[in-house]
């Protein structure tokens, strides 16, 4: 799960057209970071994306997250939550774990104790 930081504020300050342009720029840059023929990147809506990386373990997922950060537009921050499939859980539970990890990261960045 990926959530763009401060996206709603950007839309409020510069309008939805600016937000749409930024989303297109991000999606274009991230397409070069994902592996062709396997990874699947989709915008869920608003400022949320989901990235499926079949065959990736935790190390591979962290490498992929770093590549996303390396190619993102400089002004864009994002929070990412990762979960690897345990081979048994449902897709719903896997997505829930990734979503929870993303929110933990986002909250941790706001409250740097």
PDB file of N, CA and C in Angstrom:
ATOM      1  N   UNK A   1       0.856  -1.165   0.000  1.00  0.00           N
ATOM      2  CA  UNK A   1       0.000   0.000   0.000  1.00  0.00           C
ATOM      3  C   UNK A   1       0.900   1.225   0.000  1.00  0.00           C
ATOM      4  N   UNK A   2       0.541   2.189  -0.826  1.00  0.00           N
ATOM      5  CA  UNK A   2       1.315   3.425  -0.928  1.00  0.00           C
ATOM      6  C   UNK A   2       0.347   4.596  -0.813  1.00  0.00           C
ATOM      7  N   UNK A   3       0.711   5.554   0.016  1.00  0.00           N
ATOM      8  CA  UNK A   3      -0.108   6.746   0.220  1.00  0.00           C
ATOM      9  C   UNK A   3       0.789   7.965   0.026  1.00  0.00           C
ATOM     10  N   UNK A   4       0.393   8.847  -0.882  1.00  0.00           N
ATOM     11  CA  UNK A   4       1.172  10.061  -1.112  1.00  0.00           C
ATOM     12  C   UNK A   4       0.987  11.018   0.046  1.00  0.00           C
ATOM     13  N   UNK A   5       2.073  11.574   0.526  1.00  0.00           N
ATOM     14  CA  UNK A   5       2.023  12.511   1.646  1.00  0.00           C
ATOM     15  C   UNK A   5       1.594  13.893   1.157  1.00  0.00           C
ATOM     16  N   UNK A   6       0.727  14.529   1.908  1.00  0.00           N
ATOM     17  CA  UNK A   6       0.294  15.918   1.690  1.00  0.00           C
ATOM     18  C   UNK A   6      -0.371  16.141   0.331  1.00  0.00           C
ATOM     19  N   UNK A   7      -0.958  15.110  -0.241  1.00  0.00           N
ATOM     20  CA  UNK A   7      -1.583  15.263  -1.559  1.00  0.00           C
ATOM     21  C   UNK A   7      -2.839  16.124  -1.490  1.00  0.00           C
ATOM     22  N   UNK A   8      -3.627  15.955  -0.440  1.00  0.00           N
ATOM     23  CA  UNK A   8      -4.849  16.756  -0.311  1.00  0.00           C
ATOM     24  C   UNK A   8      -4.519  18.237  -0.171  1.00  0.00           C
ATOM     25  N   UNK A   9      -3.446  18.543   0.525  1.00  0.00           N
ATOM     26  CA  UNK A   9      -3.023  19.939   0.661  1.00  0.00           C
ATOM     27  C   UNK A   9      -2.598  20.512  -0.686  1.00  0.00           C
ATOM     28  N   UNK A  10      -1.914  19.709  -1.508  1.00  0.00           N
ATOM     29  CA  UNK A  10      -1.515  20.155  -2.843  1.00  0.00           C
ATOM     30  C   UNK A  10      -2.749  20.480  -3.673  1.00  0.00           C
ATOM     31  N   UNK A  11      -3.744  19.593  -3.648  1.00  0.00           N
ATOM     32  CA  UNK A  11      -4.978  19.848  -4.386  1.00  0.00           C
ATOM     33  C   UNK A  11      -5.653  21.123  -3.890  1.00  0.00           C
ATOM     34  N   UNK A  12      -5.640  21.341  -2.575  1.00  0.00           N
ATOM     35  CA  UNK A  12      -6.261  22.533  -2.005  1.00  0.00           C
ATOM     36  C   UNK A  12      -5.539  23.820  -2.403  1.00  0.00           C
ATOM     37  N   UNK A  13      -4.228  23.775  -2.441  1.00  0.00           N
ATOM     38  CA  UNK A  13      -3.435  24.960  -2.784  1.00  0.00           C
ATOM     39  C   UNK A  13      -3.395  25.249  -4.279  1.00  0.00           C
ATOM     40  N   UNK A  14      -3.228  24.185  -5.079  1.00  0.00           N
ATOM     41  CA  UNK A  14      -2.959  24.389  -6.506  1.00  0.00           C
ATOM     42  C   UNK A  14      -4.057  23.877  -7.430  1.00  0.00           C
ATOM     43  N   UNK A  15      -5.075  23.252  -6.878  1.00  0.00           N
ATOM     44  CA  UNK A  15      -6.196  22.768  -7.676  1.00  0.00           C
ATOM     45  C   UNK A  15      -6.022  21.320  -8.116  1.00  0.00           C
ATOM     46  N   UNK A  16      -7.137  20.744  -8.526  1.00  0.00           N
ATOM     47  CA  UNK A  16      -7.171  19.336  -8.907  1.00  0.00           C
ATOM     48  C   UNK A  16      -6.389  19.061 -10.188  1.00  0.00           C
ATOM     49  N   UNK A  17      -6.305  20.021 -11.077  1.00  0.00           N
ATOM     50  CA  UNK A  17      -5.525  19.798 -12.303  1.00  0.00           C
ATOM     51  C   UNK A  17      -4.057  19.592 -11.969  1.00  0.00           C
ATOM     52  N   UNK A  18      -3.538  20.364 -11.011  1.00  0.00           N
ATOM     53  CA  UNK A  18      -2.148  20.180 -10.579  1.00  0.00           C
ATOM     54  C   UNK A  18      -1.985  18.810  -9.936  1.00  0.00           C
ATOM     55  N   UNK A  19      -2.954  18.403  -9.133  1.00  0.00           N
ATOM     56  CA  UNK A  19      -2.904  17.078  -8.530  1.00  0.00           C
ATOM     57  C   UNK A  19      -2.934  15.978  -9.567  1.00  0.00           C
ATOM     58  N   UNK A  20      -3.767  16.139 -10.590  1.00  0.00           N
ATOM     59  CA  UNK A  20      -3.843  15.146 -11.668  1.00  0.00           C
ATOM     60  C   UNK A  20      -2.516  15.046 -12.416  1.00  0.00           C
ATOM     61  N   UNK A  21      -1.890  16.193 -12.686  1.00  0.00           N
ATOM     62  CA  UNK A  21      -0.579  16.179 -13.370  1.00  0.00           C
ATOM     63  C   UNK A  21       0.461  15.459 -12.521  1.00  0.00           C
ATOM     64  N   UNK A  22       0.441  15.715 -11.215  1.00  0.00           N
ATOM     65  CA  UNK A  22       1.396  15.066 -10.327  1.00  0.00           C
ATOM     66  C   UNK A  22       1.171  13.552 -10.300  1.00  0.00           C
ATOM     67  N   UNK A  23      -0.083  13.126 -10.242  1.00  0.00           N
ATOM     68  CA  UNK A  23      -0.383  11.695 -10.264  1.00  0.00           C
ATOM     69  C   UNK A  23       0.139  11.038 -11.539  1.00  0.00           C
ATOM     70  N   UNK A  24      -0.030  11.717 -12.668  1.00  0.00           N
ATOM     71  CA  UNK A  24       0.470  11.180 -13.931  1.00  0.00           C
ATOM     72  C   UNK A  24       1.993  11.093 -13.927  1.00  0.00           C
ATOM     73  N   UNK A  25       2.643  12.115 -13.370  1.00  0.00           N
ATOM     74  CA  UNK A  25       4.099  12.118 -13.296  1.00  0.00           C
ATOM     75  C   UNK A  25       4.601  10.979 -12.393  1.00  0.00           C
ATOM     76  N   UNK A  26       3.956  10.806 -11.259  1.00  0.00           N
ATOM     77  CA  UNK A  26       4.341   9.743 -10.338  1.00  0.00           C
ATOM     78  C   UNK A  26       4.148   8.377 -10.982  1.00  0.00           C
ATOM     79  N   UNK A  27       2.983   8.157 -11.564  1.00  0.00           N
ATOM     80  CA  UNK A  27       2.707   6.864 -12.190  1.00  0.00           C
ATOM     81  C   UNK A  27       3.720   6.576 -13.293  1.00  0.00           C
ATOM     82  N   UNK A  28       4.059   7.574 -14.075  1.00  0.00           N
ATOM     83  CA  UNK A  28       5.045   7.383 -15.139  1.00  0.00           C
ATOM     84  C   UNK A  28       6.415   7.040 -14.593  1.00  0.00           C
ATOM     85  N   UNK A  29       6.826   7.726 -13.540  1.00  0.00           N
ATOM     86  CA  UNK A  29       8.146   7.442 -12.975  1.00  0.00           C
ATOM     87  C   UNK A  29       8.169   6.074 -12.302  1.00  0.00           C
ATOM     88  N   UNK A  30       7.084   5.706 -11.639  1.00  0.00           N
ATOM     89  CA  UNK A  30       7.055   4.411 -10.956  1.00  0.00           C
ATOM     90  C   UNK A  30       6.975   3.248 -11.935  1.00  0.00           C
ATOM     91  N   UNK A  31       6.424   3.461 -13.116  1.00  0.00           N
ATOM     92  CA  UNK A  31       6.346   2.367 -14.091  1.00  0.00           C
ATOM     93  C   UNK A  31       7.733   1.877 -14.490  1.00  0.00           C
ATOM     94  N   UNK A  32       8.721   2.768 -14.472  1.00  0.00           N
ATOM     95  CA  UNK A  32      10.078   2.335 -14.820  1.00  0.00           C
ATOM     96  C   UNK A  32      10.749   1.608 -13.661  1.00  0.00           C
ATOM     97  N   UNK A  33      10.228   1.757 -12.442  1.00  0.00           N
ATOM     98  CA  UNK A  33      10.826   1.125 -11.265  1.00  0.00           C
ATOM     99  C   UNK A  33      10.308  -0.293 -11.029  1.00  0.00           C
ATOM    100  N   UNK A  34       9.100  -0.576 -11.504  1.00  0.00           N
ATOM    101  CA  UNK A  34       8.541  -1.909 -11.274  1.00  0.00           C
ATOM    102  C   UNK A  34       9.072  -2.883 -12.318  1.00  0.00           C
ATOM    103  N   UNK A  35       9.055  -4.155 -11.959  1.00  0.00           N
ATOM    104  CA  UNK A  35       9.544  -5.182 -12.877  1.00  0.00           C
ATOM    105  C   UNK A  35       8.486  -5.471 -13.932  1.00  0.00           C
ATOM    106  N   UNK A  36       8.888  -5.455 -15.161  1.00  0.00           N
ATOM    107  CA  UNK A  36       7.967  -5.785 -16.243  1.00  0.00           C
ATOM    108  C   UNK A  36       7.596  -7.254 -16.206  1.00  0.00           C
ATOM    109  N   UNK A  37       6.385  -7.545 -16.600  1.00  0.00           N
ATOM    110  CA  UNK A  37       5.956  -8.922 -16.699  1.00  0.00           C
ATOM    111  C   UNK A  37       5.556  -9.574 -15.390  1.00  0.00           C
ATOM    112  N   UNK A  38       5.383  -8.794 -14.338  1.00  0.00           N
ATOM    113  CA  UNK A  38       4.999  -9.427 -13.087  1.00  0.00           C
ATOM    114  C   UNK A  38       4.408  -8.465 -12.090  1.00  0.00           C
ATOM    115  N   UNK A  39       5.091  -7.343 -11.849  1.00  0.00           N
ATOM    116  CA  UNK A  39       4.588  -6.377 -10.884  1.00  0.00           C
ATOM    117  C   UNK A  39       3.373  -5.659 -11.452  1.00  0.00           C
ATOM    118  N   UNK A  40       2.475  -5.285 -10.571  1.00  0.00           N
ATOM    119  CA  UNK A  40       1.242  -4.609 -10.983  1.00  0.00           C
ATOM    120  C   UNK A  40       1.019  -3.413 -10.072  1.00  0.00           C
ATOM    121  N   UNK A  41       1.045  -2.214 -10.650  1.00  0.00           N
ATOM    122  CA  UNK A  41       0.835  -0.966  -9.930  1.00  0.00           C
ATOM    123  C   UNK A  41      -0.505  -0.388 -10.335  1.00  0.00           C
ATOM    124  N   UNK A  42      -1.328  -0.033  -9.356  1.00  0.00           N
ATOM    125  CA  UNK A  42      -2.649   0.528  -9.651  1.00  0.00           C
ATOM    126  C   UNK A  42      -2.959   1.639  -8.661  1.00  0.00           C
ATOM    127  N   UNK A  43      -3.615   2.664  -9.154  1.00  0.00           N
ATOM    128  CA  UNK A  43      -4.125   3.717  -8.282  1.00  0.00           C
ATOM    129  C   UNK A  43      -5.494   3.281  -7.798  1.00  0.00           C
ATOM    130  N   UNK A  44      -5.665   3.290  -6.484  1.00  0.00           N
ATOM    131  CA  UNK A  44      -6.949   2.897  -5.907  1.00  0.00           C
ATOM    132  C   UNK A  44      -7.930   4.046  -5.927  1.00  0.00           C
ATOM    133  N   UNK A  45      -7.424   5.254  -5.850  1.00  0.00           N
ATOM    134  CA  UNK A  45      -8.245   6.447  -5.803  1.00  0.00           C
ATOM    135  C   UNK A  45      -7.554   7.472  -4.943  1.00  0.00           C
ATOM    136  N   UNK A  46      -7.874   8.724  -5.175  1.00  0.00           N
ATOM    137  CA  UNK A  46      -7.249   9.780  -4.387  1.00  0.00           C
ATOM    138  C   UNK A  46      -5.745   9.681  -4.455  1.00  0.00           C
ATOM    139  N   UNK A  47      -5.124   9.530  -3.307  1.00  0.00           N
ATOM    140  CA  UNK A  47      -3.664   9.493  -3.235  1.00  0.00           C
ATOM    141  C   UNK A  47      -3.145   8.115  -2.850  1.00  0.00           C
ATOM    142  N   UNK A  48      -3.945   7.079  -3.059  1.00  0.00           N
ATOM    143  CA  UNK A  48      -3.550   5.730  -2.670  1.00  0.00           C
ATOM    144  C   UNK A  48      -3.293   4.842  -3.881  1.00  0.00           C
ATOM    145  N   UNK A  49      -2.195   4.097  -3.765  1.00  0.00           N
ATOM    146  CA  UNK A  49      -1.803   3.144  -4.792  1.00  0.00           C
ATOM    147  C   UNK A  49      -1.620   1.783  -4.135  1.00  0.00           C
ATOM    148  N   UNK A  50      -1.711   0.749  -4.953  1.00  0.00           N
ATOM    149  CA  UNK A  50      -1.398  -0.600  -4.506  1.00  0.00           C
ATOM    150  C   UNK A  50      -0.413  -1.182  -5.507  1.00  0.00           C
ATOM    151  N   UNK A  51       0.590  -1.851  -4.986  1.00  0.00           N
ATOM    152  CA  UNK A  51       1.596  -2.496  -5.823  1.00  0.00           C
ATOM    153  C   UNK A  51       1.691  -3.959  -5.433  1.00  0.00           C
ATOM    154  N   UNK A  52       1.440  -4.823  -6.386  1.00  0.00           N
ATOM    155  CA  UNK A  52       1.594  -6.258  -6.181  1.00  0.00           C
ATOM    156  C   UNK A  52       2.898  -6.672  -6.836  1.00  0.00           C
ATOM    157  N   UNK A  53       3.692  -7.426  -6.104  1.00  0.00           N
ATOM    158  CA  UNK A  53       4.988  -7.871  -6.613  1.00  0.00           C
ATOM    159  C   UNK A  53       5.114  -9.373  -6.398  1.00  0.00           C
ATOM    160  N   UNK A  54       4.461 -10.164  -7.262  1.00  0.00           N
ATOM    161  CA  UNK A  54       4.480 -11.618  -7.097  1.00  0.00           C
ATOM    162  C   UNK A  54       5.914 -12.159  -7.102  1.00  0.00           C
ATOM    163  N   UNK A  55       6.150 -13.085  -6.206  1.00  0.00           N
ATOM    164  CA  UNK A  55       7.465 -13.705  -6.141  1.00  0.00           C
ATOM    165  C   UNK A  55       8.486 -12.935  -5.324  1.00  0.00           C
ATOM    166  N   UNK A  56       8.117 -11.778  -4.811  1.00  0.00           N
ATOM    167  CA  UNK A  56       9.050 -10.992  -4.001  1.00  0.00           C
ATOM    168  C   UNK A  56       8.970 -11.424  -2.547  1.00  0.00           C
ATOM    169  N   UNK A  57      10.113 -11.513  -1.925  1.00  0.00           N
ATOM    170  CA  UNK A  57      10.147 -11.712  -0.488  1.00  0.00           C
ATOM    171  C   UNK A  57      10.322 -10.345   0.171  1.00  0.00           C
ATOM    172  N   UNK A  58      10.510 -10.313   1.465  1.00  0.00           N
ATOM    173  CA  UNK A  58      10.639  -9.048   2.188  1.00  0.00           C
ATOM    174  C   UNK A  58      11.811  -8.212   1.661  1.00  0.00           C
ATOM    175  N   UNK A  59      12.928  -8.855   1.392  1.00  0.00           N
ATOM    176  CA  UNK A  59      14.100  -8.134   0.867  1.00  0.00           C
ATOM    177  C   UNK A  59      13.792  -7.532  -0.494  1.00  0.00           C
ATOM    178  N   UNK A  60      13.167  -8.316  -1.369  1.00  0.00           N
ATOM    179  CA  UNK A  60      12.806  -7.813  -2.692  1.00  0.00           C
ATOM    180  C   UNK A  60      11.829  -6.656  -2.615  1.00  0.00           C
ATOM    181  N   UNK A  61      10.882  -6.735  -1.687  1.00  0.00           N
ATOM    182  CA  UNK A  61       9.907  -5.655  -1.515  1.00  0.00           C
ATOM    183  C   UNK A  61      10.597  -4.376  -1.041  1.00  0.00           C
ATOM    184  N   UNK A  62      11.567  -4.504  -0.150  1.00  0.00           N
ATOM    185  CA  UNK A  62      12.307  -3.314   0.303  1.00  0.00           C
ATOM    186  C   UNK A  62      13.132  -2.709  -0.829  1.00  0.00           C
ATOM    187  N   UNK A  63      13.721  -3.542  -1.672  1.00  0.00           N
ATOM    188  CA  UNK A  63      14.454  -3.029  -2.837  1.00  0.00           C
ATOM    189  C   UNK A  63      13.509  -2.287  -3.782  1.00  0.00           C
ATOM    190  N   UNK A  64      12.334  -2.847  -3.988  1.00  0.00           N
ATOM    191  CA  UNK A  64      11.346  -2.209  -4.855  1.00  0.00           C
ATOM    192  C   UNK A  64      10.913  -0.867  -4.275  1.00  0.00           C
ATOM    193  N   UNK A  65      10.678  -0.808  -2.973  1.00  0.00           N
ATOM    194  CA  UNK A  65      10.297   0.455  -2.334  1.00  0.00           C
ATOM    195  C   UNK A  65      11.400   1.498  -2.506  1.00  0.00           C
ATOM    196  N   UNK A  66      12.652   1.074  -2.395  1.00  0.00           N
ATOM    197  CA  UNK A  66      13.763   2.013  -2.591  1.00  0.00           C
ATOM    198  C   UNK A  66      13.780   2.531  -4.028  1.00  0.00           C
ATOM    199  N   UNK A  67      13.548   1.643  -4.992  1.00  0.00           N
ATOM    200  CA  UNK A  67      13.510   2.089  -6.397  1.00  0.00           C
ATOM    201  C   UNK A  67      12.387   3.110  -6.612  1.00  0.00           C
ATOM    202  N   UNK A  68      11.224   2.887  -5.980  1.00  0.00           N
ATOM    203  CA  UNK A  68      10.129   3.861  -6.101  1.00  0.00           C
ATOM    204  C   UNK A  68      10.571   5.215  -5.557  1.00  0.00           C
ATOM    205  N   UNK A  69      11.242   5.212  -4.417  1.00  0.00           N
ATOM    206  CA  UNK A  69      11.725   6.457  -3.834  1.00  0.00           C
ATOM    207  C   UNK A  69      12.782   7.127  -4.689  1.00  0.00           C
ATOM    208  N   UNK A  70      13.619   6.335  -5.325  1.00  0.00           N
ATOM    209  CA  UNK A  70      14.699   6.886  -6.157  1.00  0.00           C
ATOM    210  C   UNK A  70      14.181   7.593  -7.411  1.00  0.00           C
ATOM    211  N   UNK A  71      13.066   7.136  -7.954  1.00  0.00           N
ATOM    212  CA  UNK A  71      12.576   7.704  -9.215  1.00  0.00           C
ATOM    213  C   UNK A  71      11.414   8.675  -9.045  1.00  0.00           C
ATOM    214  N   UNK A  72      10.928   8.845  -7.819  1.00  0.00           N
ATOM    215  CA  UNK A  72       9.784   9.736  -7.604  1.00  0.00           C
ATOM    216  C   UNK A  72      10.197  11.181  -7.864  1.00  0.00           C
ATOM    217  N   UNK A  73       9.244  12.015  -8.222  1.00  0.00           N
ATOM    218  CA  UNK A  73       9.543  13.445  -8.318  1.00  0.00           C
ATOM    219  C   UNK A  73      10.051  13.951  -6.965  1.00  0.00           C
ATOM    220  N   UNK A  74      11.024  14.830  -6.987  1.00  0.00           N
ATOM    221  CA  UNK A  74      11.695  15.275  -5.764  1.00  0.00           C
ATOM    222  C   UNK A  74      10.746  15.859  -4.726  1.00  0.00           C
ATOM    223  N   UNK A  75       9.702  16.511  -5.166  1.00  0.00           N
ATOM    224  CA  UNK A  75       8.787  17.177  -4.236  1.00  0.00           C
ATOM    225  C   UNK A  75       7.759  16.239  -3.607  1.00  0.00           C
ATOM    226  N   UNK A  76       7.783  14.966  -3.969  1.00  0.00           N
ATOM    227  CA  UNK A  76       6.752  14.035  -3.535  1.00  0.00           C
ATOM    228  C   UNK A  76       7.286  13.099  -2.446  1.00  0.00           C
ATOM    229  N   UNK A  77       6.570  13.068  -1.331  1.00  0.00           N
ATOM    230  CA  UNK A  77       6.856  12.082  -0.300  1.00  0.00           C
ATOM    231  C   UNK A  77       5.756  11.052  -0.291  1.00  0.00           C
ATOM    232  N   UNK A  78       6.068   9.874   0.193  1.00  0.00           N
ATOM    233  CA  UNK A  78       5.039   8.852   0.280  1.00  0.00           C
ATOM    234  C   UNK A  78       5.319   7.927   1.445  1.00  0.00           C
ATOM    235  N   UNK A  79       4.269   7.314   1.919  1.00  0.00           N
ATOM    236  CA  UNK A  79       4.363   6.298   2.963  1.00  0.00           C
ATOM    237  C   UNK A  79       3.999   4.970   2.325  1.00  0.00           C
ATOM    238  N   UNK A  80       4.748   3.956   2.679  1.00  0.00           N
ATOM    239  CA  UNK A  80       4.497   2.644   2.081  1.00  0.00           C
ATOM    240  C   UNK A  80       4.407   1.598   3.182  1.00  0.00           C
ATOM    241  N   UNK A  81       3.451   0.711   3.023  1.00  0.00           N
ATOM    242  CA  UNK A  81       3.299  -0.405   3.940  1.00  0.00           C
ATOM    243  C   UNK A  81       3.416  -1.704   3.179  1.00  0.00           C
ATOM    244  N   UNK A  82       4.278  -2.574   3.645  1.00  0.00           N
ATOM    245  CA  UNK A  82       4.525  -3.835   2.941  1.00  0.00           C
ATOM    246  C   UNK A  82       4.065  -5.019   3.779  1.00  0.00           C
ATOM    247  N   UNK A  83       3.606  -6.022   3.082  1.00  0.00           N
ATOM    248  CA  UNK A  83       3.267  -7.296   3.707  1.00  0.00           C
ATOM    249  C   UNK A  83       3.586  -8.387   2.692  1.00  0.00           C
ATOM    250  N   UNK A  84       4.219  -9.445   3.138  1.00  0.00           N
ATOM    251  CA  UNK A  84       4.464 -10.580   2.257  1.00  0.00           C
ATOM    252  C   UNK A  84       3.474 -11.681   2.606  1.00  0.00           C
ATOM    253  N   UNK A  85       3.043 -12.372   1.582  1.00  0.00           N
ATOM    254  CA  UNK A  85       2.037 -13.422   1.746  1.00  0.00           C
ATOM    255  C   UNK A  85       2.641 -14.588   2.499  1.00  0.00           C
ATOM    256  N   UNK A  86       1.929 -15.086   3.478  1.00  0.00           N
ATOM    257  CA  UNK A  86       2.430 -16.199   4.283  1.00  0.00           C
ATOM    258  C   UNK A  86       2.108 -17.558   3.666  1.00  0.00           C
ATOM    259  N   UNK A  87       1.480 -17.555   2.500  1.00  0.00           N
ATOM    260  CA  UNK A  87       1.154 -18.795   1.815  1.00  0.00           C
ATOM    261  C   UNK A  87      -0.174 -19.389   2.205  1.00  0.00           C
ATOM    262  N   UNK A  88      -0.809 -18.783   3.207  1.00  0.00           N
ATOM    263  CA  UNK A  88      -2.048 -19.361   3.714  1.00  0.00           C
ATOM    264  C   UNK A  88      -3.177 -18.339   3.844  1.00  0.00           C
ATOM    265  N   UNK A  89      -2.858 -17.090   4.162  1.00  0.00           N
ATOM    266  CA  UNK A  89      -3.888 -16.096   4.460  1.00  0.00           C
ATOM    267  C   UNK A  89      -4.663 -15.672   3.215  1.00  0.00           C
ATOM    268  N   UNK A  90      -5.799 -15.067   3.448  1.00  0.00           N
ATOM    269  CA  UNK A  90      -6.620 -14.574   2.349  1.00  0.00           C
ATOM    270  C   UNK A  90      -6.031 -13.275   1.807  1.00  0.00           C
ATOM    271  N   UNK A  91      -6.430 -12.937   0.604  1.00  0.00           N
ATOM    272  CA  UNK A  91      -5.993 -11.671   0.003  1.00  0.00           C
ATOM    273  C   UNK A  91      -6.446 -10.495   0.867  1.00  0.00           C
ATOM    274  N   UNK A  92      -7.632 -10.584   1.410  1.00  0.00           N
ATOM    275  CA  UNK A  92      -8.154  -9.511   2.261  1.00  0.00           C
ATOM    276  C   UNK A  92      -7.250  -9.279   3.474  1.00  0.00           C
ATOM    277  N   UNK A  93      -6.814 -10.341   4.112  1.00  0.00           N
ATOM    278  CA  UNK A  93      -5.935 -10.195   5.270  1.00  0.00           C
ATOM    279  C   UNK A  93      -4.569  -9.647   4.869  1.00  0.00           C
ATOM    280  N   UNK A  94      -4.059 -10.081   3.729  1.00  0.00           N
ATOM    281  CA  UNK A  94      -2.775  -9.570   3.244  1.00  0.00           C
ATOM    282  C   UNK A  94      -2.848  -8.065   3.005  1.00  0.00           C
ATOM    283  N   UNK A  95      -3.901  -7.625   2.345  1.00  0.00           N
ATOM    284  CA  UNK A  95      -4.084  -6.196   2.082  1.00  0.00           C
ATOM    285  C   UNK A  95      -4.271  -5.433   3.390  1.00  0.00           C
ATOM    286  N   UNK A  96      -5.005  -5.998   4.325  1.00  0.00           N
ATOM    287  CA  UNK A  96      -5.211  -5.349   5.625  1.00  0.00           C
ATOM    288  C   UNK A  96      -3.884  -5.157   6.342  1.00  0.00           C
ATOM    289  N   UNK A  97      -3.017  -6.158   6.312  1.00  0.00           N
ATOM    290  CA  UNK A  97      -1.712  -6.028   6.960  1.00  0.00           C
ATOM    291  C   UNK A  97      -0.851  -4.958   6.294  1.00  0.00           C
ATOM    292  N   UNK A  98      -0.885  -4.904   4.970  1.00  0.00           N
ATOM    293  CA  UNK A  98      -0.123  -3.875   4.258  1.00  0.00           C
ATOM    294  C   UNK A  98      -0.665  -2.489   4.578  1.00  0.00           C
ATOM    295  N   UNK A  99      -1.974  -2.363   4.643  1.00  0.00           N
ATOM    296  CA  UNK A  99      -2.607  -1.085   4.971  1.00  0.00           C
ATOM    297  C   UNK A  99      -2.227  -0.645   6.390  1.00  0.00           C
ATOM    298  N   UNK A 100      -2.262  -1.560   7.325  1.00  0.00           N
ATOM    299  CA  UNK A 100      -1.880  -1.238   8.706  1.00  0.00           C
ATOM    300  C   UNK A 100      -0.417  -0.813   8.788  1.00  0.00           C
ATOM    301  N   UNK A 101       0.445  -1.484   8.044  1.00  0.00           N
ATOM    302  CA  UNK A 101       1.869  -1.123   8.033  1.00  0.00           C
ATOM    303  C   UNK A 101       2.067   0.270   7.448  1.00  0.00           C
ATOM    304  N   UNK A 102       1.299   0.610   6.418  1.00  0.00           N
ATOM    305  CA  UNK A 102       1.406   1.929   5.809  1.00  0.00           C
ATOM    306  C   UNK A 102       0.984   3.012   6.801  1.00  0.00           C
ATOM    307  N   UNK A 103      -0.102   2.795   7.512  1.00  0.00           N
ATOM    308  CA  UNK A 103      -0.552   3.792   8.482  1.00  0.00           C
ATOM    309  C   UNK A 103       0.416   3.915   9.651  1.00  0.00           C
ATOM    310  N   UNK A 104       1.026   2.802  10.066  1.00  0.00           N
ATOM    311  CA  UNK A 104       2.047   2.886  11.118  1.00  0.00           C
ATOM    312  C   UNK A 104       3.220   3.744  10.660  1.00  0.00           C
ATOM    313  N   UNK A 105       3.641   3.565   9.419  1.00  0.00           N
ATOM    314  CA  UNK A 105       4.744   4.376   8.902  1.00  0.00           C
ATOM    315  C   UNK A 105       4.342   5.843   8.843  1.00  0.00           C
ATOM    316  N   UNK A 106       3.162   6.111   8.344  1.00  0.00           N
ATOM    317  CA  UNK A 106       2.693   7.490   8.227  1.00  0.00           C
ATOM    318  C   UNK A 106       2.621   8.155   9.605  1.00  0.00           C
ATOM    319  N   UNK A 107       2.073   7.460  10.581  1.00  0.00           N
ATOM    320  CA  UNK A 107       1.985   8.023  11.933  1.00  0.00           C
ATOM    321  C   UNK A 107       3.375   8.203  12.545  1.00  0.00           C
ATOM    322  N   UNK A 108       4.266   7.277  12.295  1.00  0.00           N
ATOM    323  CA  UNK A 108       5.612   7.373  12.809  1.00  0.00           C
ATOM    324  C   UNK A 108       6.378   8.552  12.244  1.00  0.00           C
ATOM    325  N   UNK A 109       6.090   8.915  11.009  1.00  0.00           N
ATOM    326  CA  UNK A 109       6.753  10.057  10.381  1.00  0.00           C
ATOM    327  C   UNK A 109       6.207  11.366  10.922  1.00  0.00           C
ATOM    328  N   UNK A 110       4.951  11.372  11.364  1.00  0.00           N
ATOM    329  CA  UNK A 110       4.350  12.585  11.929  1.00  0.00           C
ATOM    330  C   UNK A 110       4.782  12.810  13.370  1.00  0.00           C
ATOM    331  N   UNK A 111       5.074  11.720  14.078  1.00  0.00           N
ATOM    332  CA  UNK A 111       5.370  11.786  15.497  1.00  0.00           C
ATOM    333  C   UNK A 111       6.745  11.174  15.756  1.00  0.00           C
ATOM    334  N   UNK A 112       7.816  11.908  15.435  1.00  0.00           N
ATOM    335  CA  UNK A 112       9.171  11.335  15.514  1.00  0.00           C
ATOM    336  C   UNK A 112       9.703  11.265  16.939  1.00  0.00           C
ATOM    337  N   UNK A 113       9.227  10.331  17.724  1.00  0.00           N
ATOM    338  CA  UNK A 113       9.678  10.185  19.119  1.00  0.00           C
ATOM    339  C   UNK A 113      11.019   9.534  19.186  1.00  0.00           C
TER     340      UNK A 113
END
